Amino acid sequence: MRYFLGMLLVLLAACAPQGDATLHLHGVSWYADSGVVLGALEESVVPANVASVPERALVLPFVLEGEAQHRRAISVGLTGTLCDVWRRLRVFAALEFDADTRVSSREEALAWARTKGATVLVTGRLHPVLVGGGLGRTEIGVQVEAVWVPTGQTYWSASQAGVLEGAPARDYVVVRRVERLPRHPEVAVMAAIAESLGRAYLAHGEEMP
């Protein structure tokens, strides 16, 4: 039996990919990257007609609901992550993220978008934002709204939540499985939600009111 366990330990150590397994006296620790679990995407407003004008989007920092320290920094950081993903997906022909502007009403936001020459205004809300760091549960809910600036009409509205949660280490006979969270789990969750929302928007074929 000892011979069998010893050979199994050597075999597992030899087959494990570099950087993902650590050999200890008690056996092998296998590190698996935790994945973001997304909730159902809900669209409350969807486009109906095709636009003839190319889209130039202005994105303002999303409103962070609830109590939190460094609210502005969190809002700007997470909204910026969404914009980075949407630029990669080319959700809009042109996308500008205005991280410095503060507006107090929808009318003020639309007026600013017109000043910037945007045809689409993108705003949103973040709720809840629970950041558990490298060990706990990180959860983010996003509600996003796209407004056609010339008419002030909301033509697309959607919401989705995502969770990233580590799990306790699980010990087996020889192998110990350890869930590994990313260094910035909130960025990973927001990026996954942004990709899902962006692809949902693109599925409408750039339709507009």
Protein backbone atom coordinates (compact mmCIF):
# COMPACT_ATOMS: atom_id res chain seq x y z
CA MET A 1 0.00 0.00 0.00
CA ARG A 2 2.83 2.40 0.86
CA TYR A 3 4.50 1.58 -2.41
CA PHE A 4 1.26 2.28 -4.31
CA LEU A 5 0.70 5.64 -2.59
CA GLY A 6 4.30 6.60 -3.16
CA MET A 7 4.11 5.84 -6.87
CA LEU A 8 0.78 7.69 -7.16
CA LEU A 9 2.30 10.75 -5.48
CA VAL A 10 5.25 10.74 -7.88
CA LEU A 11 2.92 10.33 -10.86
CA LEU A 12 0.68 13.22 -9.80
CA ALA A 13 3.66 15.48 -9.16
CA ALA A 14 5.10 14.66 -12.57
CA CYS A 15 1.84 15.26 -14.43
CA ALA A 16 0.82 18.47 -12.70
CA PRO A 17 1.23 21.64 -14.83
CA GLN A 18 3.97 24.02 -13.72
CA GLY A 19 2.80 26.77 -11.41
CA ASP A 20 -0.55 25.15 -10.63
CA ALA A 21 0.52 22.52 -8.14
CA THR A 22 2.76 22.64 -5.08
CA LEU A 23 4.42 19.52 -3.66
CA HIS A 24 4.32 19.13 0.13
CA LEU A 25 5.28 16.33 2.47
CA HIS A 26 1.64 15.36 2.81
CA GLY A 27 1.00 15.29 -0.95
CA VAL A 28 0.05 17.67 -3.75
CA SER A 29 -1.91 20.92 -3.45
CA TRP A 30 -3.82 21.62 -6.65
CA TYR A 31 -4.85 25.24 -7.24
CA ALA A 32 -7.92 25.82 -9.40
CA ASP A 33 -8.92 29.31 -10.56
CA SER A 34 -12.39 30.27 -9.34
CA GLY A 35 -14.84 31.37 -12.02
CA VAL A 36 -17.46 34.12 -12.02
CA VAL A 37 -21.03 32.86 -11.77
CA LEU A 38 -23.43 35.15 -13.65
CA GLY A 39 -27.10 35.57 -12.87
CA ALA A 40 -29.77 35.80 -15.55
CA LEU A 41 -29.53 38.83 -17.82
CA GLU A 42 -32.78 40.78 -17.86
CA GLU A 43 -33.63 43.35 -20.53
CA SER A 44 -36.49 45.66 -19.60
CA VAL A 45 -36.23 47.85 -22.72
CA VAL A 46 -35.02 46.61 -26.11
CA PRO A 47 -34.45 48.46 -29.41
CA ALA A 48 -37.06 48.39 -32.17
CA ASN A 49 -35.66 50.19 -35.24
CA VAL A 50 -32.35 50.47 -37.05
CA ALA A 51 -30.45 53.75 -36.78
CA SER A 52 -28.95 55.49 -39.80
CA VAL A 53 -26.50 57.54 -37.73
CA PRO A 54 -23.28 55.93 -36.44
CA GLU A 55 -23.20 55.55 -32.68
CA ARG A 56 -20.93 57.76 -30.63
CA ALA A 57 -21.41 56.84 -26.98
CA LEU A 58 -20.66 58.85 -23.87
CA VAL A 59 -20.44 56.82 -20.65
CA LEU A 60 -20.71 58.50 -17.25
CA PRO A 61 -19.65 56.84 -13.97
CA PHE A 62 -22.40 54.55 -12.70
CA VAL A 63 -24.18 55.45 -9.46
CA LEU A 64 -22.99 53.29 -6.56
CA GLU A 65 -25.91 52.48 -4.28
CA GLY A 66 -25.62 51.64 -0.59
CA GLU A 67 -23.00 52.59 1.97
CA ALA A 68 -19.35 52.28 0.99
CA GLN A 69 -16.06 54.04 1.50
CA HIS A 70 -14.36 55.60 -1.51
CA ARG A 71 -17.63 55.56 -3.44
CA ARG A 72 -16.39 57.69 -6.32
CA ALA A 73 -13.24 55.64 -6.80
CA ILE A 74 -15.20 52.37 -6.82
CA SER A 75 -17.74 53.78 -9.28
CA VAL A 76 -15.10 55.12 -11.65
CA GLY A 77 -13.02 51.94 -11.45
CA LEU A 78 -15.86 49.52 -12.15
CA THR A 79 -17.40 51.68 -14.88
CA GLY A 80 -13.97 51.99 -16.46
CA THR A 81 -13.68 48.20 -16.51
CA LEU A 82 -17.00 47.97 -18.36
CA CYS A 83 -15.80 50.55 -20.89
CA ASP A 84 -12.56 48.64 -21.50
CA VAL A 85 -14.51 45.46 -22.25
CA TRP A 86 -17.00 47.27 -24.49
CA ARG A 87 -14.19 48.89 -26.47
CA ARG A 88 -12.68 45.46 -27.04
CA LEU A 89 -16.06 44.12 -28.19
CA ARG A 90 -16.70 47.26 -30.27
CA VAL A 91 -20.16 47.65 -28.77
CA PHE A 92 -20.20 51.22 -30.12
CA ALA A 93 -18.37 52.73 -33.08
CA ALA A 94 -16.83 55.24 -30.66
CA LEU A 95 -16.95 55.23 -26.87
CA GLU A 96 -15.80 57.94 -24.48
CA PHE A 97 -15.69 57.43 -20.73
CA ASP A 98 -15.96 60.76 -18.92
CA ALA A 99 -14.72 59.85 -15.45
CA ASP A 100 -14.50 63.43 -14.17
CA THR A 101 -17.94 64.85 -14.91
CA ARG A 102 -20.61 64.87 -12.19
CA VAL A 103 -24.26 65.36 -13.06
CA SER A 104 -27.27 65.55 -10.78
CA SER A 105 -30.10 64.77 -13.21
CA ARG A 106 -30.91 62.99 -16.45
CA GLU A 107 -31.53 66.32 -18.18
CA GLU A 108 -28.11 67.58 -17.15
CA ALA A 109 -26.49 64.36 -18.38
CA LEU A 110 -28.25 64.63 -21.75
CA ALA A 111 -27.23 68.27 -22.11
CA TRP A 112 -23.62 67.31 -21.45
CA ALA A 113 -23.83 64.44 -23.96
CA ARG A 114 -25.07 66.85 -26.63
CA THR A 115 -22.20 69.20 -25.83
CA LYS A 116 -19.77 66.30 -26.32
CA GLY A 117 -21.35 65.39 -29.66
CA ALA A 118 -22.57 61.99 -28.47
CA THR A 119 -25.54 60.19 -30.01
CA VAL A 120 -25.84 57.69 -27.13
CA LEU A 121 -25.67 58.35 -23.40
CA VAL A 122 -24.85 55.35 -21.21
CA THR A 123 -25.57 55.52 -17.49
CA GLY A 124 -26.09 52.88 -14.84
CA ARG A 125 -26.26 51.75 -11.25
CA LEU A 126 -24.13 49.37 -9.20
CA HIS A 127 -25.98 47.39 -6.52
CA PRO A 128 -24.89 45.66 -4.47
CA VAL A 129 -21.10 45.83 -4.46
CA LEU A 130 -19.66 43.37 -1.96
CA VAL A 131 -15.90 42.88 -2.22
CA GLY A 132 -14.52 39.93 -0.29
CA GLY A 133 -10.89 40.27 -1.32
CA GLY A 134 -8.83 37.14 -1.88
CA LEU A 135 -10.80 34.89 0.45
CA GLY A 136 -14.46 35.91 0.68
CA ARG A 137 -17.43 36.44 -1.59
CA THR A 138 -17.47 39.24 -4.17
CA GLU A 139 -20.83 40.19 -5.64
CA ILE A 140 -21.78 42.99 -8.04
CA GLY A 141 -25.13 43.89 -9.57
CA VAL A 142 -25.24 46.16 -12.62
CA GLN A 143 -28.12 48.03 -14.19
CA VAL A 144 -27.28 49.84 -17.43
CA GLU A 145 -29.31 52.20 -19.59
CA ALA A 146 -28.65 53.50 -23.11
CA VAL A 147 -30.39 56.72 -24.14
CA TRP A 148 -30.68 58.02 -27.70
CA VAL A 149 -29.47 61.59 -27.18
CA PRO A 150 -31.36 63.33 -30.05
CA THR A 151 -34.73 62.28 -28.59
CA GLY A 152 -33.84 61.63 -24.95
CA GLN A 153 -35.49 58.21 -25.21
CA THR A 154 -34.20 55.13 -23.40
CA TYR A 155 -33.89 52.44 -26.07
CA TRP A 156 -32.04 49.73 -24.14
CA SER A 157 -32.03 48.83 -20.47
CA ALA A 158 -30.60 45.68 -18.92
CA SER A 159 -29.43 44.31 -15.60
CA GLN A 160 -27.29 41.42 -14.43
CA ALA A 161 -25.41 40.28 -11.34
CA GLY A 162 -22.27 38.23 -10.88
CA VAL A 163 -20.62 36.39 -7.98
CA LEU A 164 -17.09 35.17 -7.41
CA GLU A 165 -16.61 33.07 -4.33
CA GLY A 166 -13.72 31.04 -3.00
CA ALA A 167 -14.30 27.59 -1.56
CA PRO A 168 -12.65 25.86 1.41
CA ALA A 169 -9.70 23.64 0.58
CA ARG A 170 -10.83 20.09 -0.12
CA ASP A 171 -8.54 17.26 0.95
CA TYR A 172 -8.42 13.97 -0.90
CA VAL A 173 -6.19 10.93 -0.30
CA VAL A 174 -3.16 12.49 -1.97
CA VAL A 175 -4.35 15.72 -3.59
CA ARG A 176 -5.53 18.88 -1.85
CA ARG A 177 -7.69 21.15 -4.04
CA VAL A 178 -7.53 24.88 -3.25
CA GLU A 179 -9.74 27.48 -4.97
CA ARG A 180 -7.66 30.44 -6.14
CA LEU A 181 -9.28 33.88 -6.49
CA PRO A 182 -7.88 36.64 -8.72
CA ARG A 183 -5.98 39.49 -7.11
CA HIS A 184 -8.83 41.93 -7.82
CA PRO A 185 -12.02 39.85 -7.78
CA GLU A 186 -14.27 42.88 -8.25
CA VAL A 187 -12.60 43.60 -11.60
CA ALA A 188 -13.07 39.98 -12.69
CA VAL A 189 -16.77 40.07 -11.79
CA MET A 190 -17.36 43.41 -13.50
CA ALA A 191 -15.50 42.30 -16.64
CA ALA A 192 -17.63 39.15 -16.89
CA ILE A 193 -20.85 41.14 -16.49
CA ALA A 194 -19.67 43.76 -19.00
CA GLU A 195 -18.92 41.08 -21.59
CA SER A 196 -22.33 39.49 -21.12
CA LEU A 197 -24.13 42.85 -21.35
CA GLY A 198 -22.08 43.95 -24.33
CA ARG A 199 -22.82 40.78 -26.28
CA ALA A 200 -26.51 41.11 -25.44
CA TYR A 201 -26.50 44.65 -26.85
CA LEU A 202 -24.68 43.57 -30.00
CA ALA A 203 -27.22 40.79 -30.52
CA HIS A 204 -29.79 43.47 -31.35
CA GLY A 205 -27.81 44.41 -34.45
CA GLU A 206 -27.19 48.02 -33.42
CA GLU A 207 -30.89 48.77 -33.42
CA MET A 208 -32.07 52.20 -32.36
CA PRO A 209 -35.35 54.04 -31.78
